[in-house]
C-alpha atoms as a PDB file:
ATOM      1  CA  MET A   1     122.971  -7.200 -57.674  1.00  0.00           C
ATOM      2  CA  ILE A   2     120.205  -9.496 -56.418  1.00  0.00           C
ATOM      3  CA  ASP A   3     116.910  -9.371 -58.275  1.00  0.00           C
ATOM      4  CA  THR A   4     114.181 -12.043 -58.000  1.00  0.00           C
ATOM      5  CA  VAL A   5     114.483 -14.636 -55.236  1.00  0.00           C
ATOM      6  CA  LYS A   6     112.372 -17.656 -54.336  1.00  0.00           C
ATOM      7  CA  ILE A   7     112.610 -18.943 -50.774  1.00  0.00           C
ATOM      8  CA  TYR A   8     110.657 -21.462 -48.722  1.00  0.00           C
ATOM      9  CA  THR A   9     110.323 -22.890 -45.237  1.00  0.00           C
ATOM     10  CA  MET A  10     108.263 -25.350 -43.187  1.00  0.00           C
ATOM     11  CA  ILE A  11     105.091 -24.164 -41.440  1.00  0.00           C
ATOM     12  CA  ASP A  12     102.419 -25.843 -39.336  1.00  0.00           C
ATOM     13  CA  LYS A  13      98.745 -26.237 -40.149  1.00  0.00           C
ATOM     14  CA  VAL A  14      97.708 -23.116 -38.200  1.00  0.00           C
ATOM     15  CA  LEU A  15      99.920 -20.846 -40.323  1.00  0.00           C
ATOM     16  CA  TYR A  16      98.890 -22.698 -43.459  1.00  0.00           C
ATOM     17  CA  GLU A  17      95.188 -22.069 -42.757  1.00  0.00           C
ATOM     18  CA  LYS A  18      95.776 -18.380 -41.976  1.00  0.00           C
ATOM     19  CA  VAL A  19      97.522 -17.766 -45.286  1.00  0.00           C
ATOM     20  CA  LYS A  20      95.109 -19.978 -47.217  1.00  0.00           C
ATOM     21  CA  SER A  21      92.066 -18.129 -45.885  1.00  0.00           C
ATOM     22  CA  ASN A  22      93.417 -14.894 -47.378  1.00  0.00           C
ATOM     23  CA  SER A  23      94.638 -16.299 -50.700  1.00  0.00           C
ATOM     24  CA  ILE A  24      93.400 -17.465 -54.075  1.00  0.00           C
ATOM     25  CA  VAL A  25      92.727 -21.212 -54.134  1.00  0.00           C
ATOM     26  CA  LYS A  26      92.744 -23.044 -57.476  1.00  0.00           C
ATOM     27  CA  THR A  27      91.555 -26.652 -57.405  1.00  0.00           C
ATOM     28  CA  SER A  28      91.768 -29.368 -60.063  1.00  0.00           C
ATOM     29  CA  TYR A  29      89.387 -32.325 -59.696  1.00  0.00           C
ATOM     30  CA  HIS A  30      87.672 -35.088 -61.681  1.00  0.00           C
ATOM     31  CA  ASN A  31      84.146 -34.025 -62.715  1.00  0.00           C
ATOM     32  CA  SER A  32      82.489 -37.453 -62.348  1.00  0.00           C
ATOM     33  CA  THR A  33      84.154 -38.744 -59.181  1.00  0.00           C
ATOM     34  CA  GLY A  34      84.922 -35.470 -57.439  1.00  0.00           C
ATOM     35  CA  GLU A  35      88.489 -36.672 -56.807  1.00  0.00           C
ATOM     36  CA  ILE A  36      90.758 -33.706 -56.094  1.00  0.00           C
ATOM     37  CA  TYR A  37      94.008 -33.790 -58.049  1.00  0.00           C
ATOM     38  CA  TYR A  38      95.677 -30.762 -56.482  1.00  0.00           C
ATOM     39  CA  ASN A  39      95.135 -27.391 -54.811  1.00  0.00           C
ATOM     40  CA  ILE A  40      97.165 -24.293 -55.564  1.00  0.00           C
ATOM     41  CA  VAL A  41      97.020 -21.661 -52.871  1.00  0.00           C
ATOM     42  CA  ASN A  42      98.633 -18.484 -54.123  1.00  0.00           C
ATOM     43  CA  ASP A  43      98.450 -14.757 -53.433  1.00  0.00           C
ATOM     44  CA  HIS A  44     100.125 -11.677 -54.897  1.00  0.00           C
ATOM     45  CA  LEU A  45     100.865  -8.889 -52.462  1.00  0.00           C
ATOM     46  CA  GLN A  46     101.082  -5.523 -54.160  1.00  0.00           C
ATOM     47  CA  GLY A  47     104.067  -3.344 -53.418  1.00  0.00           C
ATOM     48  CA  SER A  48     105.118   0.039 -54.729  1.00  0.00           C
ATOM     49  CA  TYR A  49     104.697   0.798 -58.439  1.00  0.00           C
ATOM     50  CA  ASP A  50     102.379  -2.201 -58.915  1.00  0.00           C
ATOM     51  CA  SER A  51     105.212  -4.733 -58.452  1.00  0.00           C
ATOM     52  CA  SER A  52     103.976  -7.906 -56.765  1.00  0.00           C
ATOM     53  CA  LEU A  53     105.272 -10.541 -54.387  1.00  0.00           C
ATOM     54  CA  SER A  54     104.035 -14.110 -54.801  1.00  0.00           C
ATOM     55  CA  VAL A  55     103.110 -16.083 -51.692  1.00  0.00           C
ATOM     56  CA  ARG A  56     102.199 -19.771 -51.925  1.00  0.00           C
ATOM     57  CA  VAL A  57     101.378 -22.443 -49.325  1.00  0.00           C
ATOM     58  CA  ASP A  58     100.806 -26.154 -49.819  1.00  0.00           C
ATOM     59  CA  ASN A  59     101.414 -29.640 -48.453  1.00  0.00           C
ATOM     60  CA  GLY A  60     105.039 -30.098 -47.434  1.00  0.00           C
ATOM     61  CA  ALA A  61     105.550 -33.231 -49.550  1.00  0.00           C
ATOM     62  CA  LYS A  62     107.010 -31.102 -52.377  1.00  0.00           C
ATOM     63  CA  TYR A  63     110.036 -30.337 -50.226  1.00  0.00           C
ATOM     64  CA  GLY A  64     110.098 -33.518 -48.173  1.00  0.00           C
ATOM     65  CA  PHE A  65     108.478 -31.970 -45.087  1.00  0.00           C
ATOM     66  CA  VAL A  66     106.678 -34.930 -43.523  1.00  0.00           C
ATOM     67  CA  ASN A  67     103.209 -34.168 -42.060  1.00  0.00           C
ATOM     68  CA  GLN A  68     103.877 -30.438 -42.414  1.00  0.00           C
ATOM     69  CA  TYR A  69     103.247 -27.604 -44.858  1.00  0.00           C
ATOM     70  CA  PHE A  70     105.445 -25.125 -46.683  1.00  0.00           C
ATOM     71  CA  ILE A  71     105.275 -21.466 -47.580  1.00  0.00           C
ATOM     72  CA  GLU A  72     107.054 -20.010 -50.639  1.00  0.00           C
ATOM     73  CA  ILE A  73     107.840 -16.351 -51.213  1.00  0.00           C
ATOM     74  CA  GLU A  74     108.950 -15.177 -54.643  1.00  0.00           C
ATOM     75  CA  GLY A  75     109.634 -11.687 -55.912  1.00  0.00           C
ATOM     76  CA  SER A  76     112.090  -8.831 -56.354  1.00  0.00           C
ATOM     77  CA  LEU A  77     112.586  -6.579 -53.343  1.00  0.00           C
ATOM     78  CA  HIS A  78     114.284  -4.133 -55.671  1.00  0.00           C
ATOM     79  CA  LYS A  79     111.213  -3.766 -57.909  1.00  0.00           C
ATOM     80  CA  ILE A  80     108.776  -3.755 -54.988  1.00  0.00           C
ATOM     81  CA  ILE A  81     110.572  -0.838 -53.335  1.00  0.00           C
ATOM     82  CA  GLN A  82     111.838   1.126 -56.355  1.00  0.00           C
ATOM     83  CA  GLY A  83     109.775  -0.106 -59.286  1.00  0.00           C
ATOM     84  CA  TYR A  84     112.856  -0.744 -61.458  1.00  0.00           C
ATOM     85  CA  ASN A  85     115.793  -3.147 -61.324  1.00  0.00           C
ATOM     86  CA  SER A  86     118.520  -1.548 -63.409  1.00  0.00           C
ATOM     87  CA  HIS A  87     120.740  -0.182 -60.614  1.00  0.00           C
ATOM     88  CA  ASN A  88     120.669   1.003 -56.963  1.00  0.00           C
ATOM     89  CA  GLY A  89     120.111  -2.617 -55.987  1.00  0.00           C
ATOM     90  CA  PHE A  90     120.798  -4.994 -53.088  1.00  0.00           C
ATOM     91  CA  TYR A  91     123.755  -7.348 -52.599  1.00  0.00           C
ATOM     92  CA  ASN A  92     123.038  -9.012 -49.257  1.00  0.00           C
ATOM     93  CA  LEU A  93     120.789 -12.064 -49.737  1.00  0.00           C
ATOM     94  CA  TYR A  94     120.170 -12.389 -45.995  1.00  0.00           C
ATOM     95  CA  GLU A  95     118.907  -8.801 -45.823  1.00  0.00           C
ATOM     96  CA  VAL A  96     116.780  -9.154 -48.975  1.00  0.00           C
ATOM     97  CA  CYS A  97     115.057 -12.310 -47.748  1.00  0.00           C
ATOM     98  CA  SER A  98     114.544 -10.913 -44.245  1.00  0.00           C
ATOM     99  CA  LYS A  99     112.698  -7.896 -45.668  1.00  0.00           C
ATOM    100  CA  LEU A 100     110.526 -10.047 -47.915  1.00  0.00           C
ATOM    101  CA  ILE A 101     109.605 -12.265 -44.953  1.00  0.00           C
ATOM    102  CA  SER A 102     108.720  -9.190 -42.877  1.00  0.00           C
ATOM    103  CA  PHE A 103     106.564  -7.869 -45.713  1.00  0.00           C
ATOM    104  CA  VAL A 104     104.574 -11.119 -45.757  1.00  0.00           C
ATOM    105  CA  GLU A 105     104.280 -11.202 -41.951  1.00  0.00           C
ATOM    106  CA  ASN A 106     102.884  -7.674 -41.893  1.00  0.00           C
ATOM    107  CA  SER A 107     100.484  -8.347 -44.759  1.00  0.00           C
ATOM    108  CA  TYR A 108      98.965 -11.479 -43.184  1.00  0.00           C
ATOM    109  CA  ASN A 109      99.484 -10.418 -39.537  1.00  0.00           C
ATOM    110  CA  ILE A 110     101.395 -13.630 -38.808  1.00  0.00           C
ATOM    111  CA  VAL A 111     104.772 -14.646 -37.389  1.00  0.00           C
ATOM    112  CA  LEU A 112     106.858 -16.811 -39.711  1.00  0.00           C
ATOM    113  CA  PRO A 113     109.907 -18.934 -38.797  1.00  0.00           C
ATOM    114  CA  SER A 114     113.139 -16.974 -38.345  1.00  0.00           C
ATOM    115  CA  ILE A 115     115.449 -16.462 -41.322  1.00  0.00           C
ATOM    116  CA  LYS A 116     117.759 -19.283 -40.186  1.00  0.00           C
ATOM    117  CA  HIS A 117     115.031 -21.777 -41.104  1.00  0.00           C
ATOM    118  CA  TRP A 118     114.522 -20.530 -44.683  1.00  0.00           C
ATOM    119  CA  PHE A 119     115.904 -22.210 -47.805  1.00  0.00           C
ATOM    120  CA  LEU A 120     116.810 -20.836 -51.233  1.00  0.00           C
ATOM    121  CA  GLN A 121     115.032 -22.256 -54.296  1.00  0.00           C
ATOM    122  CA  ARG A 122     116.107 -19.691 -56.899  1.00  0.00           C
ATOM    123  CA  VAL A 123     117.960 -16.397 -57.132  1.00  0.00           C
ATOM    124  CA  ASP A 124     118.587 -14.009 -60.041  1.00  0.00           C
ATOM    125  CA  ILE A 125     121.857 -12.082 -60.254  1.00  0.00           C
ATOM    126  CA  ALA A 126     121.707  -9.166 -62.691  1.00  0.00           C
ATOM    127  CA  ILE A 127     124.370  -6.645 -63.636  1.00  0.00           C
ATOM    128  CA  CYS A 128     123.840  -3.619 -65.861  1.00  0.00           C
ATOM    129  CA  PHE A 129     126.579  -1.864 -67.821  1.00  0.00           C
ATOM    130  CA  ASP A 130     126.433   1.556 -69.435  1.00  0.00           C
ATOM    131  CA  LEU A 131     127.406   1.498 -73.131  1.00  0.00           C
ATOM    132  CA  SER A 132     126.491   5.216 -73.413  1.00  0.00           C
ATOM    133  CA  THR A 133     124.054   4.995 -76.341  1.00  0.00           C
ATOM    134  CA  GLN A 134     121.237   2.839 -77.655  1.00  0.00           C
ATOM    135  CA  LYS A 135     123.196   2.442 -80.883  1.00  0.00           C
ATOM    136  CA  ASN A 136     126.048   0.752 -79.012  1.00  0.00           C
ATOM    137  CA  VAL A 137     123.647  -1.559 -77.187  1.00  0.00           C
ATOM    138  CA  ILE A 138     121.846  -2.495 -80.403  1.00  0.00           C
ATOM    139  CA  ASN A 139     125.106  -3.123 -82.293  1.00  0.00           C
ATOM    140  CA  TYR A 140     126.447  -5.311 -79.498  1.00  0.00           C
ATOM    141  CA  LEU A 141     123.255  -7.373 -79.318  1.00  0.00           C
ATOM    142  CA  ASN A 142     123.028  -7.653 -83.101  1.00  0.00           C
ATOM    143  CA  ASN A 143     126.539  -9.101 -83.085  1.00  0.00           C
ATOM    144  CA  LEU A 144     125.359 -11.656 -80.521  1.00  0.00           C
ATOM    145  CA  HIS A 145     122.444 -12.544 -82.777  1.00  0.00           C
ATOM    146  CA  SER A 146     124.824 -13.217 -85.653  1.00  0.00           C
ATOM    147  CA  CYS A 147     126.902 -15.793 -83.781  1.00  0.00           C
ATOM    148  CA  ASP A 148     126.631 -19.569 -83.754  1.00  0.00           C
ATOM    149  CA  TYR A 149     126.272 -21.301 -80.383  1.00  0.00           C
ATOM    150  CA  PRO A 150     127.075 -25.028 -80.645  1.00  0.00           C
ATOM    151  CA  ARG A 151     125.153 -27.314 -78.280  1.00  0.00           C
ATOM    152  CA  ARG A 152     123.091 -24.375 -77.033  1.00  0.00           C
ATOM    153  CA  THR A 153     119.592 -23.356 -78.043  1.00  0.00           C
ATOM    154  CA  LEU A 154     119.358 -19.590 -77.863  1.00  0.00           C
ATOM    155  CA  ARG A 155     116.179 -17.619 -78.301  1.00  0.00           C
ATOM    156  CA  ASN A 156     115.689 -13.995 -79.149  1.00  0.00           C
ATOM    157  CA  TYR A 157     113.768 -11.330 -77.281  1.00  0.00           C
ATOM    158  CA  GLY A 158     111.638  -9.708 -79.963  1.00  0.00           C
ATOM    159  CA  ASP A 159     113.000  -9.385 -83.471  1.00  0.00           C
ATOM    160  CA  PHE A 160     116.485  -8.821 -84.838  1.00  0.00           C
ATOM    161  CA  GLY A 161     116.487  -5.300 -83.484  1.00  0.00           C
ATOM    162  CA  GLY A 162     118.890  -5.291 -80.577  1.00  0.00           C
ATOM    163  CA  THR A 163     116.379  -6.426 -77.943  1.00  0.00           C
ATOM    164  CA  GLY A 164     118.273  -9.378 -76.492  1.00  0.00           C
ATOM    165  CA  ILE A 165     118.915 -13.108 -76.265  1.00  0.00           C
ATOM    166  CA  TYR A 166     118.419 -15.783 -73.644  1.00  0.00           C
ATOM    167  CA  TYR A 167     119.524 -19.359 -73.091  1.00  0.00           C
ATOM    168  CA  SER A 168     117.503 -21.631 -70.825  1.00  0.00           C
ATOM    169  CA  GLY A 169     119.264 -24.565 -69.160  1.00  0.00           C
ATOM    170  CA  SER A 170     118.429 -27.055 -66.423  1.00  0.00           C
ATOM    171  CA  SER A 171     120.556 -25.330 -63.782  1.00  0.00           C
ATOM    172  CA  THR A 172     120.739 -21.722 -65.020  1.00  0.00           C
ATOM    173  CA  THR A 173     119.062 -19.401 -67.501  1.00  0.00           C
ATOM    174  CA  LEU A 174     121.172 -16.647 -69.068  1.00  0.00           C
ATOM    175  CA  LYS A 175     119.763 -13.397 -70.439  1.00  0.00           C
ATOM    176  CA  ILE A 176     121.450 -10.465 -72.170  1.00  0.00           C
ATOM    177  CA  TYR A 177     119.133  -7.670 -73.167  1.00  0.00           C
ATOM    178  CA  ASN A 178     118.527  -4.015 -73.878  1.00  0.00           C
ATOM    179  CA  LYS A 179     117.371  -2.658 -70.520  1.00  0.00           C
ATOM    180  CA  TYR A 180     115.901   0.516 -72.003  1.00  0.00           C
ATOM    181  CA  GLN A 181     113.678  -1.369 -74.449  1.00  0.00           C
ATOM    182  CA  GLU A 182     112.727  -4.021 -71.886  1.00  0.00           C
ATOM    183  CA  PHE A 183     111.717  -1.396 -69.317  1.00  0.00           C
ATOM    184  CA  LYS A 184     109.570   0.538 -71.802  1.00  0.00           C
ATOM    185  CA  LYS A 185     107.783  -2.635 -72.866  1.00  0.00           C
ATOM    186  CA  HIS A 186     107.169  -4.271 -69.475  1.00  0.00           C
ATOM    187  CA  ASP A 187     107.501  -1.747 -66.625  1.00  0.00           C
ATOM    188  CA  LEU A 188     106.703   1.731 -67.889  1.00  0.00           C
ATOM    189  CA  LYS A 189     102.959   1.237 -67.408  1.00  0.00           C
ATOM    190  CA  ASN A 190     103.483   0.659 -63.665  1.00  0.00           C
ATOM    191  CA  PHE A 191     104.463   4.318 -63.175  1.00  0.00           C
ATOM    192  CA  LYS A 192     101.413   5.942 -64.772  1.00  0.00           C
ATOM    193  CA  ASN A 193      99.854   7.011 -61.438  1.00  0.00           C
ATOM    194  CA  SER A 194     103.082   7.810 -59.580  1.00  0.00           C
ATOM    195  CA  ASN A 195     105.262  10.893 -59.163  1.00  0.00           C
ATOM    196  CA  PHE A 196     108.366   8.992 -60.320  1.00  0.00           C
ATOM    197  CA  ASP A 197     110.607  11.089 -62.603  1.00  0.00           C
ATOM    198  CA  ILE A 198     110.259   8.747 -65.559  1.00  0.00           C
ATOM    199  CA  ILE A 199     111.805  11.133 -68.113  1.00  0.00           C
ATOM    200  CA  ASN A 200     115.124  11.394 -66.273  1.00  0.00           C
ATOM    201  CA  TYR A 201     115.123   7.681 -65.516  1.00  0.00           C
ATOM    202  CA  LEU A 202     114.705   6.779 -69.208  1.00  0.00           C
ATOM    203  CA  LYS A 203     117.585   9.130 -70.066  1.00  0.00           C
ATOM    204  CA  THR A 204     119.727   7.393 -67.447  1.00  0.00           C
ATOM    205  CA  ILE A 205     119.184   3.844 -68.715  1.00  0.00           C
ATOM    206  CA  GLU A 206     119.217   4.656 -72.443  1.00  0.00           C
ATOM    207  CA  GLY A 207     122.603   2.947 -72.951  1.00  0.00           C
ATOM    208  CA  PHE A 208     122.198   0.167 -70.396  1.00  0.00           C
ATOM    209  CA  ILE A 209     122.756  -3.491 -71.247  1.00  0.00           C
ATOM    210  CA  ARG A 210     121.780  -6.106 -68.658  1.00  0.00           C
ATOM    211  CA  PHE A 211     123.432  -9.477 -68.039  1.00  0.00           C
ATOM    212  CA  GLU A 212     121.231 -11.687 -65.880  1.00  0.00           C
ATOM    213  CA  VAL A 213     121.586 -15.264 -64.681  1.00  0.00           C
ATOM    214  CA  GLU A 214     118.729 -17.150 -63.057  1.00  0.00           C
ATOM    215  CA  ILE A 215     120.377 -19.614 -60.665  1.00  0.00           C
ATOM    216  CA  LYS A 216     118.102 -22.595 -60.117  1.00  0.00           C
ATOM    217  CA  LYS A 217     118.012 -25.093 -57.255  1.00  0.00           C
ATOM    218  CA  LYS A 218     119.968 -27.704 -59.237  1.00  0.00           C
ATOM    219  CA  LYS A 219     122.947 -25.355 -59.477  1.00  0.00           C
ATOM    220  CA  LEU A 220     122.651 -24.272 -55.839  1.00  0.00           C
ATOM    221  CA  VAL A 221     122.568 -27.897 -54.661  1.00  0.00           C
ATOM    222  CA  SER A 222     125.686 -28.699 -56.704  1.00  0.00           C
ATOM    223  CA  ILE A 223     127.564 -25.653 -55.378  1.00  0.00           C
ATOM    224  CA  TYR A 224     126.687 -26.139 -51.707  1.00  0.00           C
ATOM    225  CA  ASP A 225     126.486 -29.941 -51.816  1.00  0.00           C
ATOM    226  CA  ASN A 226     123.222 -30.001 -49.887  1.00  0.00           C
ATOM    227  CA  LYS A 227     119.623 -30.710 -50.860  1.00  0.00           C
ATOM    228  CA  TYR A 228     118.470 -27.872 -48.603  1.00  0.00           C
ATOM    229  CA  VAL A 229     120.414 -24.651 -49.214  1.00  0.00           C
ATOM    230  CA  ARG A 230     119.898 -22.299 -46.286  1.00  0.00           C
ATOM    231  CA  VAL A 231     119.641 -18.587 -47.071  1.00  0.00           C
ATOM    232  CA  ARG A 232     122.066 -17.723 -44.280  1.00  0.00           C
ATOM    233  CA  ASN A 233     124.805 -19.878 -45.867  1.00  0.00           C
ATOM    234  CA  VAL A 234     124.704 -18.237 -49.311  1.00  0.00           C
ATOM    235  CA  SER A 235     127.074 -15.349 -49.994  1.00  0.00           C
ATOM    236  CA  TYR A 236     126.902 -12.821 -52.808  1.00  0.00           C
ATOM    237  CA  LYS A 237     130.505 -13.710 -53.636  1.00  0.00           C
ATOM    238  CA  ASP A 238     129.417 -17.277 -54.450  1.00  0.00           C
ATOM    239  CA  LEU A 239     126.499 -16.063 -56.558  1.00  0.00           C
ATOM    240  CA  LYS A 240     128.680 -13.581 -58.455  1.00  0.00           C
ATOM    241  CA  LYS A 241     131.138 -16.383 -59.240  1.00  0.00           C
ATOM    242  CA  ILE A 242     128.301 -18.419 -60.796  1.00  0.00           C
ATOM    243  CA  TRP A 243     127.374 -15.331 -62.846  1.00  0.00           C
ATOM    244  CA  CYS A 244     130.963 -14.967 -64.059  1.00  0.00           C
ATOM    245  CA  ASP A 245     131.451 -18.669 -64.835  1.00  0.00           C
ATOM    246  CA  GLU A 246     128.203 -18.994 -66.796  1.00  0.00           C
ATOM    247  CA  PHE A 247     128.689 -15.881 -68.908  1.00  0.00           C
ATOM    248  CA  MET A 248     132.368 -16.677 -69.445  1.00  0.00           C
ATOM    249  CA  LYS A 249     131.342 -19.938 -71.123  1.00  0.00           C
ATOM    250  CA  LEU A 250     128.742 -18.243 -73.295  1.00  0.00           C
ATOM    251  CA  LEU A 251     130.820 -15.240 -74.348  1.00  0.00           C
ATOM    252  CA  LYS A 252     133.860 -17.384 -75.152  1.00  0.00           C
ATOM    253  CA  ILE A 253     131.738 -18.903 -77.923  1.00  0.00           C
ATOM    254  CA  PHE A 254     130.696 -15.405 -78.946  1.00  0.00           C
ATOM    255  CA  ASP A 255     134.310 -14.186 -79.155  1.00  0.00           C
ATOM    256  CA  ASN A 256     135.378 -17.196 -81.213  1.00  0.00           C
ATOM    257  CA  ASP A 257     132.516 -16.765 -83.641  1.00  0.00           C
ATOM    258  CA  LEU A 258     133.177 -13.054 -84.159  1.00  0.00           C
ATOM    259  CA  LYS A 259     136.595 -13.963 -85.508  1.00  0.00           C
ATOM    260  CA  LYS A 260     134.926 -15.641 -88.468  1.00  0.00           C
ATOM    261  CA  VAL A 261     135.234 -14.023 -91.863  1.00  0.00           C
ATOM    262  CA  ARG A 262     131.844 -13.045 -93.305  1.00  0.00           C
ATOM    263  CA  SER A 263     132.102 -10.486 -96.128  1.00  0.00           C
ATOM    264  CA  LYS A 264     132.721 -11.792 -99.673  1.00  0.00           C
ATOM    265  CA  GLU A 265     135.830  -9.677-100.155  1.00  0.00           C
ATOM    266  CA  LYS A 266     137.420 -10.893 -96.922  1.00  0.00           C
ATOM    267  CA  VAL A 267     136.470 -14.494 -97.671  1.00  0.00           C
ATOM    268  CA  GLU A 268     138.231 -14.319-101.033  1.00  0.00           C
ATOM    269  CA  LYS A 269     141.324 -12.750 -99.458  1.00  0.00           C
ATOM    270  CA  ARG A 270     141.415 -15.315 -96.633  1.00  0.00           C
ATOM    271  CA  LEU A 271     141.213 -18.230 -99.082  1.00  0.00           C
ATOM    272  CA  ASN A 272     143.945 -16.778-101.282  1.00  0.00           C
ATOM    273  CA  ASP A 273     146.152 -16.245 -98.242  1.00  0.00           C
ATOM    274  CA  LEU A 274     145.716 -19.834 -97.052  1.00  0.00           C
ATOM    275  CA  TYR A 275     145.528 -21.849-100.269  1.00  0.00           C
ATOM    276  CA  GLY A 276     146.978 -21.788-103.755  1.00  0.00           C
ATOM    277  CA  ASN A 277     145.202 -19.860-106.516  1.00  0.00           C
ATOM    278  CA  LEU A 278     143.460 -22.924-107.984  1.00  0.00           C
ATOM    279  CA  LYS A 279     142.129 -24.266-104.671  1.00  0.00           C
ATOM    280  CA  ALA A 280     141.242 -20.789-103.434  1.00  0.00           C
ATOM    281  CA  SER A 281     139.232 -20.115-106.605  1.00  0.00           C
ATOM    282  CA  ARG A 282     137.418 -23.450-106.330  1.00  0.00           C
ATOM    283  CA  LEU A 283     136.542 -22.901-102.665  1.00  0.00           C
ATOM    284  CA  TYR A 284     135.438 -19.332-103.323  1.00  0.00           C
ATOM    285  CA  ASN A 285     133.037 -20.477-106.059  1.00  0.00           C
ATOM    286  CA  PHE A 286     131.763 -23.198-103.722  1.00  0.00           C
ATOM    287  CA  TYR A 287     131.239 -20.574-101.008  1.00  0.00           C
ATOM    288  CA  LEU A 288     129.340 -18.273-103.402  1.00  0.00           C
ATOM    289  CA  SER A 289     127.052 -21.112-104.479  1.00  0.00           C
ATOM    290  CA  ILE A 290     126.125 -21.684-100.821  1.00  0.00           C
ATOM    291  CA  ILE A 291     125.356 -17.994-100.333  1.00  0.00           C
ATOM    292  CA  ILE A 292     123.242 -17.831-103.502  1.00  0.00           C
ATOM    293  CA  ASP A 293     121.492 -21.230-103.562  1.00  0.00           C
ATOM    294  CA  GLY A 294     121.637 -22.398 -99.951  1.00  0.00           C
ATOM    295  CA  LEU A 295     123.423 -25.200 -98.171  1.00  0.00           C
ATOM    296  CA  ASP A 296     120.770 -27.858 -98.811  1.00  0.00           C
ATOM    297  CA  ILE A 297     120.728 -27.376-102.599  1.00  0.00           C
ATOM    298  CA  VAL A 298     124.530 -27.352-102.825  1.00  0.00           C
ATOM    299  CA  ARG A 299     124.712 -30.532-100.764  1.00  0.00           C
ATOM    300  CA  LYS A 300     122.294 -32.331-103.062  1.00  0.00           C
ATOM    301  CA  ARG A 301     124.080 -31.442-106.300  1.00  0.00           C
ATOM    302  CA  THR A 302     127.674 -31.909-105.106  1.00  0.00           C
ATOM    303  CA  LYS A 303     129.508 -35.214-104.860  1.00  0.00           C
ATOM    304  CA  LYS A 304     129.483 -36.267-101.202  1.00  0.00           C
ATOM    305  CA  SER A 305     133.260 -36.533-100.784  1.00  0.00           C
ATOM    306  CA  VAL A 306     133.821 -33.181-102.510  1.00  0.00           C
ATOM    307  CA  TYR A 307     131.096 -31.465-100.491  1.00  0.00           C
ATOM    308  CA  TYR A 308     132.448 -32.514 -97.108  1.00  0.00           C
ATOM    309  CA  ARG A 309     136.050 -31.799 -98.085  1.00  0.00           C
ATOM    310  CA  ASN A 310     135.119 -28.263 -99.180  1.00  0.00           C
ATOM    311  CA  ILE A 311     133.079 -27.685 -96.009  1.00  0.00           C
ATOM    312  CA  ALA A 312     136.047 -28.826 -93.903  1.00  0.00           C
ATOM    313  CA  ASP A 313     138.356 -26.431 -95.760  1.00  0.00           C
ATOM    314  CA  LEU A 314     135.969 -23.498 -95.190  1.00  0.00           C
ATOM    315  CA  LYS A 315     135.746 -24.332 -91.493  1.00  0.00           C
ATOM    316  CA  SER A 316     139.526 -24.605 -91.245  1.00  0.00           C
ATOM    317  CA  ALA A 317     139.746 -21.127 -92.766  1.00  0.00           C
ATOM    318  CA  ASN A 318     137.255 -19.925 -90.089  1.00  0.00           C
ATOM    319  CA  ILE A 319     134.821 -18.708 -92.760  1.00  0.00           C
ATOM    320  CA  ASP A 320     131.153 -18.236 -91.971  1.00  0.00           C
ATOM    321  CA  PHE A 321     128.839 -19.855 -94.522  1.00  0.00           C
ATOM    322  CA  SER A 322     125.747 -19.836 -92.300  1.00  0.00           C
ATOM    323  CA  GLN A 323     123.987 -17.265 -94.534  1.00  0.00           C
ATOM    324  CA  LYS A 324     123.231 -15.067 -91.558  1.00  0.00           C
ATOM    325  CA  ILE A 325     122.400 -11.388 -91.956  1.00  0.00           C
ATOM    326  CA  ASP A 326     125.421  -9.658 -93.415  1.00  0.00           C
ATOM    327  CA  ILE A 327     126.811  -7.086 -91.012  1.00  0.00           C
ATOM    328  CA  ASP A 328     130.100  -5.270 -91.102  1.00  0.00           C
ATOM    329  CA  LEU A 329     131.652  -6.454 -87.865  1.00  0.00           C
ATOM    330  CA  ASP A 330     134.581  -4.062 -88.164  1.00  0.00           C
ATOM    331  CA  GLU A 331     132.202  -1.086 -87.961  1.00  0.00           C
ATOM    332  CA  CYS A 332     129.685  -2.570 -85.523  1.00  0.00           C
ATOM    333  CA  LEU A 333     132.020  -4.329 -83.087  1.00  0.00           C
ATOM    334  CA  ILE A 334     131.763  -2.748 -79.621  1.00  0.00           C
ATOM    335  CA  ASP A 335     134.835  -2.680 -77.397  1.00  0.00           C
ATOM    336  CA  PHE A 336     133.059  -4.036 -74.336  1.00  0.00           C
ATOM    337  CA  ASP A 337     133.996  -6.715 -71.821  1.00  0.00           C
ATOM    338  CA  PRO A 338     131.488  -7.363 -68.996  1.00  0.00           C
ATOM    339  CA  PHE A 339     134.211  -8.938 -66.848  1.00  0.00           C
ATOM    340  CA  SER A 340     136.359  -5.812 -66.707  1.00  0.00           C
ATOM    341  CA  TRP A 341     133.774  -3.033 -67.027  1.00  0.00           C
ATOM    342  CA  LYS A 342     132.287  -1.466 -63.915  1.00  0.00           C
ATOM    343  CA  GLU A 343     128.735  -2.319 -62.963  1.00  0.00           C
ATOM    344  CA  VAL A 344     126.233   0.527 -62.866  1.00  0.00           C
ATOM    345  CA  VAL A 345     125.396   0.975 -59.182  1.00  0.00           C
END
């Protein structure tokens, strides 16, 4: 489903002044000379359940609009209308953007350019799956935490407690997280003065895991081969394909890493199965010294050629010596595939 979107279009000075006169203006300038560095004109229109929509206007130079101005709208129609974004969402980008534009027009009592003149700067595609229980969600996310991701810098949401992970890139940002925990931390407070049935809603999402991709302009430009990506030309099918491609790359690494042997007993058995008794015993003792003393200490006290040969043999045996938290993957592994499971709708 479609969550947060950021769209923009060209406006004239009259519209710019109307929005500016009803917005927050932040100015940066030099104290001694009075030279103005920049102005930020931004407003947040409040929707239902205290969810806001950002509206910004400025000089059109940012988007290459010569002698004109631009207006940006950013927000989640789903959260503005329903207060949550776990399911019951929207899948038609044209419809989503049209409603957001109408919301801004009504709030400022203005007429904005028609939807055919609006461009897409960013869009988030998020899909929730029901793993039935919080325990399943936490186990799945803990397994993700335990994996190695070469050439990717992953960060954790919260601590090692099944909250989630995210990876920020130049063209996309990927997030996998515990929807129940995320909602309680960030959104629950927005319902304090409403008649929303929060108890039943929390029961509903208790086993939900959310896979979200933020698709940035760089990715959109590469997909549509155009500097200006018009909202009307973007289909949900295209956006869903980006979601699939990006998570397929990430989870392929996850699947490969889960095949690694981690427990001491299984490491010893794997080495004995692959190598002769003498070599297996030597590699097992080398492995134990890493677990006990750490990789850096073992590297310093081991002959360079021996160290790298032993490391290569452990890698060839697909043995994890990263000293990560020891978990029993056989018991905690969740039989879940986001590409074949049904989305919660």
